[in-house]
Amino acid sequence: MDSFLMPIRGSEAEDHEANWKKLGNCHDMNPEIFFPDRGASTKPIKEICNGCAIKSRCLEEALYGDPDTGGIAGGTTRGERVKIRRARKLASDGNRMRFI
């Protein structure tokens, strides 16, 4: 089996988990730019996320993290993440209701 197809195990998996953010477009940028001033455009910051290899992983981390955390993560603002969480909860609740 080719090495790139083999599952990651043990300490290699732990290293991968600890270092996944290094694969992001933003890995060497000042984190402060992802916390724009209130009313400032978020478009230039979100452009950094577009096409990023880990954008979806970053978004999931932000969605399951502290809901009060601000800034741009996974190409979304805190307010956008609130809406995504709410939509997911409604969809989940709706699915549960079908089986009752």
N, C-alpha and C. Protein backbone atom coordinates (compact mmCIF):
# COMPACT_ATOMS: atom_id res chain seq x y z
N MET A 1 0.85 -1.18 0.00
CA MET A 1 0.00 0.00 0.00
C MET A 1 0.89 1.24 0.00
N ASP A 2 0.53 2.23 -0.83
CA ASP A 2 1.29 3.47 -0.86
C ASP A 2 1.21 4.16 0.49
N SER A 3 2.32 4.79 0.89
CA SER A 3 2.37 5.40 2.22
C SER A 3 1.34 6.51 2.40
N PHE A 4 0.99 7.22 1.32
CA PHE A 4 0.02 8.30 1.47
C PHE A 4 -1.40 7.78 1.65
N LEU A 5 -1.63 6.49 1.42
CA LEU A 5 -2.94 5.90 1.62
C LEU A 5 -3.09 5.22 2.97
N MET A 6 -1.98 5.06 3.67
CA MET A 6 -2.01 4.37 4.95
C MET A 6 -2.58 5.29 6.03
N PRO A 7 -3.36 4.74 6.95
CA PRO A 7 -3.90 5.56 8.03
C PRO A 7 -2.79 6.05 8.95
N ILE A 8 -3.01 7.21 9.53
CA ILE A 8 -2.04 7.79 10.47
C ILE A 8 -2.36 7.24 11.85
N ARG A 9 -1.33 6.74 12.54
CA ARG A 9 -1.53 6.14 13.86
C ARG A 9 -0.49 6.65 14.85
N GLY A 10 -0.80 6.44 16.12
CA GLY A 10 0.15 6.70 17.21
C GLY A 10 0.62 8.14 17.27
N SER A 11 1.93 8.30 17.52
CA SER A 11 2.49 9.64 17.70
C SER A 11 2.40 10.45 16.42
N GLU A 12 2.42 9.79 15.27
CA GLU A 12 2.28 10.51 14.00
C GLU A 12 0.90 11.17 13.92
N ALA A 13 -0.12 10.48 14.39
CA ALA A 13 -1.47 11.04 14.40
C ALA A 13 -1.54 12.21 15.38
N GLU A 14 -0.88 12.06 16.53
CA GLU A 14 -0.87 13.14 17.52
C GLU A 14 -0.16 14.37 16.96
N ASP A 15 0.96 14.16 16.24
CA ASP A 15 1.67 15.27 15.62
C ASP A 15 0.79 15.96 14.59
N HIS A 16 0.09 15.16 13.78
CA HIS A 16 -0.80 15.72 12.76
C HIS A 16 -1.90 16.55 13.41
N GLU A 17 -2.48 16.03 14.47
CA GLU A 17 -3.56 16.73 15.17
C GLU A 17 -3.04 18.05 15.76
N ALA A 18 -1.85 18.03 16.30
CA ALA A 18 -1.29 19.22 16.92
C ALA A 18 -0.85 20.25 15.89
N ASN A 19 -0.56 19.83 14.68
CA ASN A 19 0.03 20.72 13.68
C ASN A 19 -0.87 21.03 12.49
N TRP A 20 -2.13 20.64 12.50
CA TRP A 20 -2.98 20.84 11.33
C TRP A 20 -3.11 22.29 10.93
N LYS A 21 -3.05 23.19 11.89
CA LYS A 21 -3.20 24.61 11.59
C LYS A 21 -2.04 25.16 10.76
N LYS A 22 -0.92 24.47 10.80
CA LYS A 22 0.23 24.91 10.01
C LYS A 22 -0.01 24.76 8.51
N LEU A 23 -1.06 24.03 8.14
CA LEU A 23 -1.39 23.85 6.73
C LEU A 23 -2.24 25.00 6.19
N GLY A 24 -2.69 25.88 7.08
CA GLY A 24 -3.58 26.97 6.69
C GLY A 24 -2.88 28.12 6.00
N ASN A 25 -3.64 28.83 5.19
CA ASN A 25 -3.12 30.03 4.52
C ASN A 25 -2.65 31.07 5.53
N CYS A 26 -3.19 31.02 6.74
CA CYS A 26 -2.93 32.04 7.75
C CYS A 26 -1.84 31.64 8.75
N HIS A 27 -1.24 30.49 8.59
CA HIS A 27 -0.38 29.96 9.65
C HIS A 27 0.77 30.87 10.06
N ASP A 28 1.24 31.71 9.17
CA ASP A 28 2.37 32.58 9.53
C ASP A 28 1.97 34.05 9.63
N MET A 29 0.67 34.30 9.76
CA MET A 29 0.18 35.67 9.85
C MET A 29 -0.09 36.05 11.30
N ASN A 30 -0.10 37.34 11.54
CA ASN A 30 -0.42 37.86 12.86
C ASN A 30 -1.89 37.57 13.15
N PRO A 31 -2.21 36.80 14.19
CA PRO A 31 -3.60 36.45 14.49
C PRO A 31 -4.51 37.65 14.72
N GLU A 32 -3.94 38.78 15.09
CA GLU A 32 -4.76 39.96 15.36
C GLU A 32 -5.55 40.44 14.15
N ILE A 33 -5.06 40.15 12.94
CA ILE A 33 -5.79 40.60 11.75
C ILE A 33 -7.14 39.90 11.60
N PHE A 34 -7.31 38.77 12.28
CA PHE A 34 -8.56 38.02 12.21
C PHE A 34 -9.59 38.52 13.22
N PHE A 35 -9.27 39.61 13.88
CA PHE A 35 -10.17 40.26 14.83
C PHE A 35 -10.29 41.73 14.46
N PRO A 36 -10.97 42.01 13.33
CA PRO A 36 -11.07 43.40 12.86
C PRO A 36 -11.91 44.25 13.81
N ASP A 37 -11.67 45.54 13.75
CA ASP A 37 -12.46 46.48 14.56
C ASP A 37 -13.91 46.41 14.14
N ARG A 38 -14.79 46.66 15.08
CA ARG A 38 -16.23 46.67 14.81
C ARG A 38 -16.52 47.65 13.67
N GLY A 39 -17.28 47.19 12.70
CA GLY A 39 -17.64 48.01 11.56
C GLY A 39 -16.65 47.96 10.41
N ALA A 40 -15.46 47.40 10.64
CA ALA A 40 -14.46 47.29 9.58
C ALA A 40 -14.85 46.17 8.63
N SER A 41 -14.42 46.28 7.39
CA SER A 41 -14.72 45.25 6.40
C SER A 41 -14.02 43.94 6.76
N THR A 42 -14.75 42.85 6.64
CA THR A 42 -14.15 41.53 6.89
C THR A 42 -13.75 40.85 5.58
N LYS A 43 -14.13 41.46 4.46
CA LYS A 43 -13.88 40.84 3.15
C LYS A 43 -12.39 40.53 2.91
N PRO A 44 -11.47 41.46 3.15
CA PRO A 44 -10.06 41.13 2.88
C PRO A 44 -9.55 39.97 3.75
N ILE A 45 -10.06 39.89 4.97
CA ILE A 45 -9.62 38.83 5.87
C ILE A 45 -10.21 37.49 5.42
N LYS A 46 -11.48 37.51 5.02
CA LYS A 46 -12.13 36.28 4.55
C LYS A 46 -11.45 35.76 3.28
N GLU A 47 -10.89 36.67 2.48
CA GLU A 47 -10.19 36.25 1.25
C GLU A 47 -9.00 35.34 1.58
N ILE A 48 -8.41 35.54 2.73
CA ILE A 48 -7.29 34.68 3.15
C ILE A 48 -7.78 33.24 3.31
N CYS A 49 -9.02 33.08 3.78
CA CYS A 49 -9.61 31.76 4.01
C CYS A 49 -10.03 31.07 2.71
N ASN A 50 -10.39 31.87 1.71
CA ASN A 50 -10.85 31.28 0.45
C ASN A 50 -9.74 30.45 -0.18
N GLY A 51 -10.08 29.25 -0.54
CA GLY A 51 -9.11 28.35 -1.16
C GLY A 51 -8.16 27.69 -0.18
N CYS A 52 -8.34 27.92 1.10
CA CYS A 52 -7.47 27.33 2.11
C CYS A 52 -7.76 25.84 2.25
N ALA A 53 -6.72 25.07 2.36
CA ALA A 53 -6.85 23.61 2.46
C ALA A 53 -7.56 23.16 3.73
N ILE A 54 -7.53 23.98 4.77
CA ILE A 54 -8.13 23.56 6.04
C ILE A 54 -9.33 24.42 6.44
N LYS A 55 -9.90 25.16 5.50
CA LYS A 55 -11.01 26.07 5.80
C LYS A 55 -12.15 25.35 6.51
N SER A 56 -12.56 24.19 6.01
CA SER A 56 -13.70 23.49 6.62
C SER A 56 -13.34 22.99 8.02
N ARG A 57 -12.12 22.52 8.21
CA ARG A 57 -11.68 22.05 9.54
C ARG A 57 -11.66 23.22 10.52
N CYS A 58 -11.16 24.35 10.05
CA CYS A 58 -11.09 25.54 10.88
C CYS A 58 -12.51 25.99 11.28
N LEU A 59 -13.43 25.95 10.33
CA LEU A 59 -14.81 26.32 10.62
C LEU A 59 -15.42 25.38 11.65
N GLU A 60 -15.21 24.08 11.48
CA GLU A 60 -15.77 23.12 12.44
C GLU A 60 -15.19 23.34 13.83
N GLU A 61 -13.91 23.61 13.91
CA GLU A 61 -13.29 23.89 15.22
C GLU A 61 -13.95 25.12 15.85
N ALA A 62 -14.19 26.14 15.04
CA ALA A 62 -14.81 27.36 15.55
C ALA A 62 -16.26 27.11 15.96
N LEU A 63 -16.97 26.29 15.20
CA LEU A 63 -18.37 26.02 15.51
C LEU A 63 -18.52 25.22 16.80
N TYR A 64 -17.58 24.35 17.09
CA TYR A 64 -17.67 23.53 18.30
C TYR A 64 -16.91 24.12 19.47
N GLY A 65 -16.26 25.25 19.24
CA GLY A 65 -15.54 25.92 20.32
C GLY A 65 -16.47 26.85 21.08
N ASP A 66 -15.89 27.77 21.78
CA ASP A 66 -16.64 28.75 22.57
C ASP A 66 -17.47 29.63 21.64
N PRO A 67 -18.80 29.62 21.78
CA PRO A 67 -19.65 30.40 20.88
C PRO A 67 -19.46 31.91 21.01
N ASP A 68 -18.84 32.36 22.07
CA ASP A 68 -18.62 33.78 22.26
C ASP A 68 -17.31 34.27 21.64
N THR A 69 -16.51 33.34 21.11
CA THR A 69 -15.26 33.72 20.49
C THR A 69 -15.54 34.51 19.22
N GLY A 70 -14.93 35.66 19.12
CA GLY A 70 -15.12 36.51 17.95
C GLY A 70 -14.09 36.23 16.88
N GLY A 71 -13.97 37.15 15.99
CA GLY A 71 -12.98 37.05 14.93
C GLY A 71 -13.45 36.22 13.75
N ILE A 72 -12.59 36.16 12.77
CA ILE A 72 -12.85 35.39 11.56
C ILE A 72 -12.22 34.02 11.72
N ALA A 73 -12.99 32.98 11.47
CA ALA A 73 -12.48 31.60 11.52
C ALA A 73 -13.21 30.78 10.47
N GLY A 74 -12.47 30.04 9.68
CA GLY A 74 -13.10 29.24 8.64
C GLY A 74 -13.87 30.10 7.64
N GLY A 75 -13.44 31.34 7.47
CA GLY A 75 -14.08 32.25 6.53
C GLY A 75 -15.39 32.84 7.02
N THR A 76 -15.67 32.74 8.33
CA THR A 76 -16.92 33.25 8.88
C THR A 76 -16.68 34.17 10.06
N THR A 77 -17.63 35.06 10.27
CA THR A 77 -17.61 35.92 11.45
C THR A 77 -18.32 35.21 12.59
N ARG A 78 -18.22 35.77 13.78
CA ARG A 78 -18.92 35.19 14.92
C ARG A 78 -20.43 35.14 14.65
N GLY A 79 -20.98 36.21 14.11
CA GLY A 79 -22.41 36.25 13.80
C GLY A 79 -22.83 35.19 12.79
N GLU A 80 -22.00 34.96 11.79
CA GLU A 80 -22.30 33.93 10.80
C GLU A 80 -22.25 32.55 11.44
N ARG A 81 -21.31 32.36 12.36
CA ARG A 81 -21.22 31.06 13.04
C ARG A 81 -22.43 30.83 13.94
N VAL A 82 -22.92 31.90 14.56
CA VAL A 82 -24.14 31.78 15.38
C VAL A 82 -25.29 31.28 14.51
N LYS A 83 -25.44 31.84 13.32
CA LYS A 83 -26.50 31.43 12.40
C LYS A 83 -26.33 29.98 11.95
N ILE A 84 -25.10 29.56 11.69
CA ILE A 84 -24.84 28.18 11.28
C ILE A 84 -25.20 27.23 12.41
N ARG A 85 -24.79 27.56 13.63
CA ARG A 85 -25.13 26.72 14.80
C ARG A 85 -26.64 26.59 14.95
N ARG A 86 -27.33 27.73 14.83
CA ARG A 86 -28.78 27.75 14.98
C ARG A 86 -29.44 26.88 13.90
N ALA A 87 -28.99 27.02 12.65
CA ALA A 87 -29.56 26.23 11.55
C ALA A 87 -29.31 24.74 11.77
N ARG A 88 -28.11 24.40 12.22
CA ARG A 88 -27.81 22.99 12.48
C ARG A 88 -28.68 22.44 13.61
N LYS A 89 -28.88 23.25 14.64
CA LYS A 89 -29.71 22.79 15.76
C LYS A 89 -31.15 22.59 15.30
N LEU A 90 -31.68 23.52 14.53
CA LEU A 90 -33.05 23.39 14.02
C LEU A 90 -33.18 22.15 13.14
N ALA A 91 -32.18 21.91 12.29
CA ALA A 91 -32.21 20.73 11.42
C ALA A 91 -32.16 19.46 12.25
N SER A 92 -31.32 19.47 13.28
CA SER A 92 -31.19 18.31 14.15
C SER A 92 -32.48 18.07 14.92
N ASP A 93 -33.06 19.13 15.46
CA ASP A 93 -34.32 19.00 16.20
C ASP A 93 -35.43 18.51 15.28
N GLY A 94 -35.45 19.00 14.06
CA GLY A 94 -36.45 18.57 13.08
C GLY A 94 -36.31 17.10 12.76
N ASN A 95 -35.10 16.62 12.65
CA ASN A 95 -34.87 15.20 12.37
C ASN A 95 -35.33 14.34 13.53
N ARG A 96 -35.10 14.81 14.77
CA ARG A 96 -35.55 14.06 15.95
C ARG A 96 -37.06 13.97 16.01
N MET A 97 -37.72 15.05 15.65
CA MET A 97 -39.18 15.08 15.72
C MET A 97 -39.82 14.09 14.76
N ARG A 98 -39.19 13.80 13.65
CA ARG A 98 -39.73 12.86 12.68
C ARG A 98 -39.79 11.45 13.24
N PHE A 99 -38.92 11.16 14.18
CA PHE A 99 -38.84 9.78 14.70
C PHE A 99 -39.61 9.58 15.99
N ILE A 100 -40.29 10.60 16.46
CA ILE A 100 -41.04 10.48 17.72
C ILE A 100 -42.41 9.92 17.43
